[in-house]
Amino acid sequence: MEAAATLPIREARAHFGEVIDRATHDESIIITRHGKEVAAVVPIELLRQYRIWEEQEDLRLVREAMKDDGPSKSLAEMMAETLTRK
């Protein structure tokens, strides 16, 4: 996959169909507002892969927390700790 193109939000809005078409052809587009990156349009498969990775990372962090020999933690405490690590 090539480097992401960058478009101002006004241009992305005016050419939204083209932005979507580009994403369906494996191109990521970064949307800017006042020169600051605020969003991205990415191919759906990339998003799916990211979600799988994120779930695996969450499980890894929970397993890591469960192996800790320190004081016992509740599931709620482990989840809160996991979320703060992100």
Protein backbone atom coordinates (compact mmCIF):
# COMPACT_ATOMS: atom_id res chain seq x y z
CA MET A 1 0.00 0.00 0.00
CA GLU A 2 1.34 3.42 -0.92
CA ALA A 3 1.57 6.46 1.33
CA ALA A 4 -1.75 8.05 2.21
CA ALA A 5 -2.94 11.06 0.24
CA THR A 6 -4.01 14.12 2.22
CA LEU A 7 -7.11 16.17 1.43
CA PRO A 8 -8.66 19.18 3.15
CA ILE A 9 -12.12 18.36 4.50
CA ARG A 10 -13.81 20.74 2.05
CA GLU A 11 -12.20 18.98 -0.93
CA ALA A 12 -12.94 15.52 0.49
CA ARG A 13 -16.59 16.50 0.97
CA ALA A 14 -16.85 17.88 -2.56
CA HIS A 15 -15.37 14.68 -4.04
CA PHE A 16 -16.67 12.14 -1.53
CA GLY A 17 -17.56 9.52 -4.15
CA GLU A 18 -14.04 9.70 -5.56
CA VAL A 19 -12.55 9.41 -2.06
CA ILE A 20 -14.59 6.24 -1.49
CA ASP A 21 -13.57 4.86 -4.90
CA ARG A 22 -9.92 5.45 -4.03
CA ALA A 23 -10.37 3.56 -0.75
CA THR A 24 -11.92 0.63 -2.61
CA HIS A 25 -8.70 0.51 -4.63
CA ASP A 26 -6.53 0.13 -1.50
CA GLU A 27 -5.68 3.80 -1.06
CA SER A 28 -5.89 5.53 2.32
CA ILE A 29 -6.84 9.20 2.43
CA ILE A 30 -6.10 11.45 5.40
CA ILE A 31 -8.62 14.25 5.92
CA THR A 32 -7.39 17.56 7.33
CA ARG A 33 -9.15 20.51 8.92
CA HIS A 34 -7.16 23.75 9.08
CA GLY A 35 -4.04 21.74 8.22
CA LYS A 36 -4.49 19.29 11.11
CA GLU A 37 -5.11 15.57 10.46
CA VAL A 38 -8.57 14.76 11.85
CA ALA A 39 -9.81 11.61 10.09
CA ALA A 40 -8.97 8.97 7.52
CA VAL A 41 -10.81 6.98 4.89
CA VAL A 42 -9.19 3.56 4.63
CA PRO A 43 -9.93 0.36 2.74
CA ILE A 44 -12.40 -1.79 4.70
CA GLU A 45 -9.98 -4.73 4.79
CA LEU A 46 -7.40 -2.56 6.55
CA LEU A 47 -10.00 -1.63 9.18
CA ARG A 48 -10.95 -5.29 9.63
CA GLN A 49 -7.31 -6.28 10.09
CA TYR A 50 -6.83 -3.47 12.61
CA ARG A 51 -9.86 -4.61 14.62
CA ILE A 52 -8.54 -8.19 14.73
CA TRP A 53 -5.13 -6.94 15.85
CA GLU A 54 -6.75 -4.73 18.50
CA GLU A 55 -8.74 -7.66 19.93
CA GLN A 56 -5.61 -9.82 20.01
CA GLU A 57 -3.68 -7.06 21.76
CA ASP A 58 -6.47 -6.64 24.34
CA LEU A 59 -6.36 -10.38 25.06
CA ARG A 60 -2.57 -10.29 25.35
CA LEU A 61 -2.75 -7.44 27.86
CA VAL A 62 -5.41 -9.23 29.92
CA ARG A 63 -3.32 -12.42 29.95
CA GLU A 64 -0.27 -10.42 30.95
CA ALA A 65 -2.19 -8.82 33.81
CA MET A 66 -3.47 -12.22 34.95
CA LYS A 67 0.10 -13.61 35.11
CA ASP A 68 1.19 -10.84 37.46
CA ASP A 69 2.13 -12.35 40.84
CA GLY A 70 1.21 -9.17 42.69
CA PRO A 71 -2.04 -8.61 44.59
CA SER A 72 -5.12 -10.05 42.92
CA LYS A 73 -7.12 -7.72 40.72
CA SER A 74 -10.77 -7.85 39.79
CA LEU A 75 -11.76 -8.20 36.15
CA ALA A 76 -13.01 -4.60 36.22
CA GLU A 77 -9.62 -3.40 37.49
CA MET A 78 -7.78 -5.38 34.80
CA MET A 79 -10.03 -4.00 32.07
CA ALA A 80 -9.59 -0.43 33.34
CA GLU A 81 -5.83 -0.92 33.39
CA THR A 82 -5.88 -2.39 29.89
CA LEU A 83 -7.89 0.54 28.55
CA THR A 84 -5.51 3.09 30.08
CA ARG A 85 -2.55 1.43 28.32
CA LYS A 86 -4.02 2.19 24.89
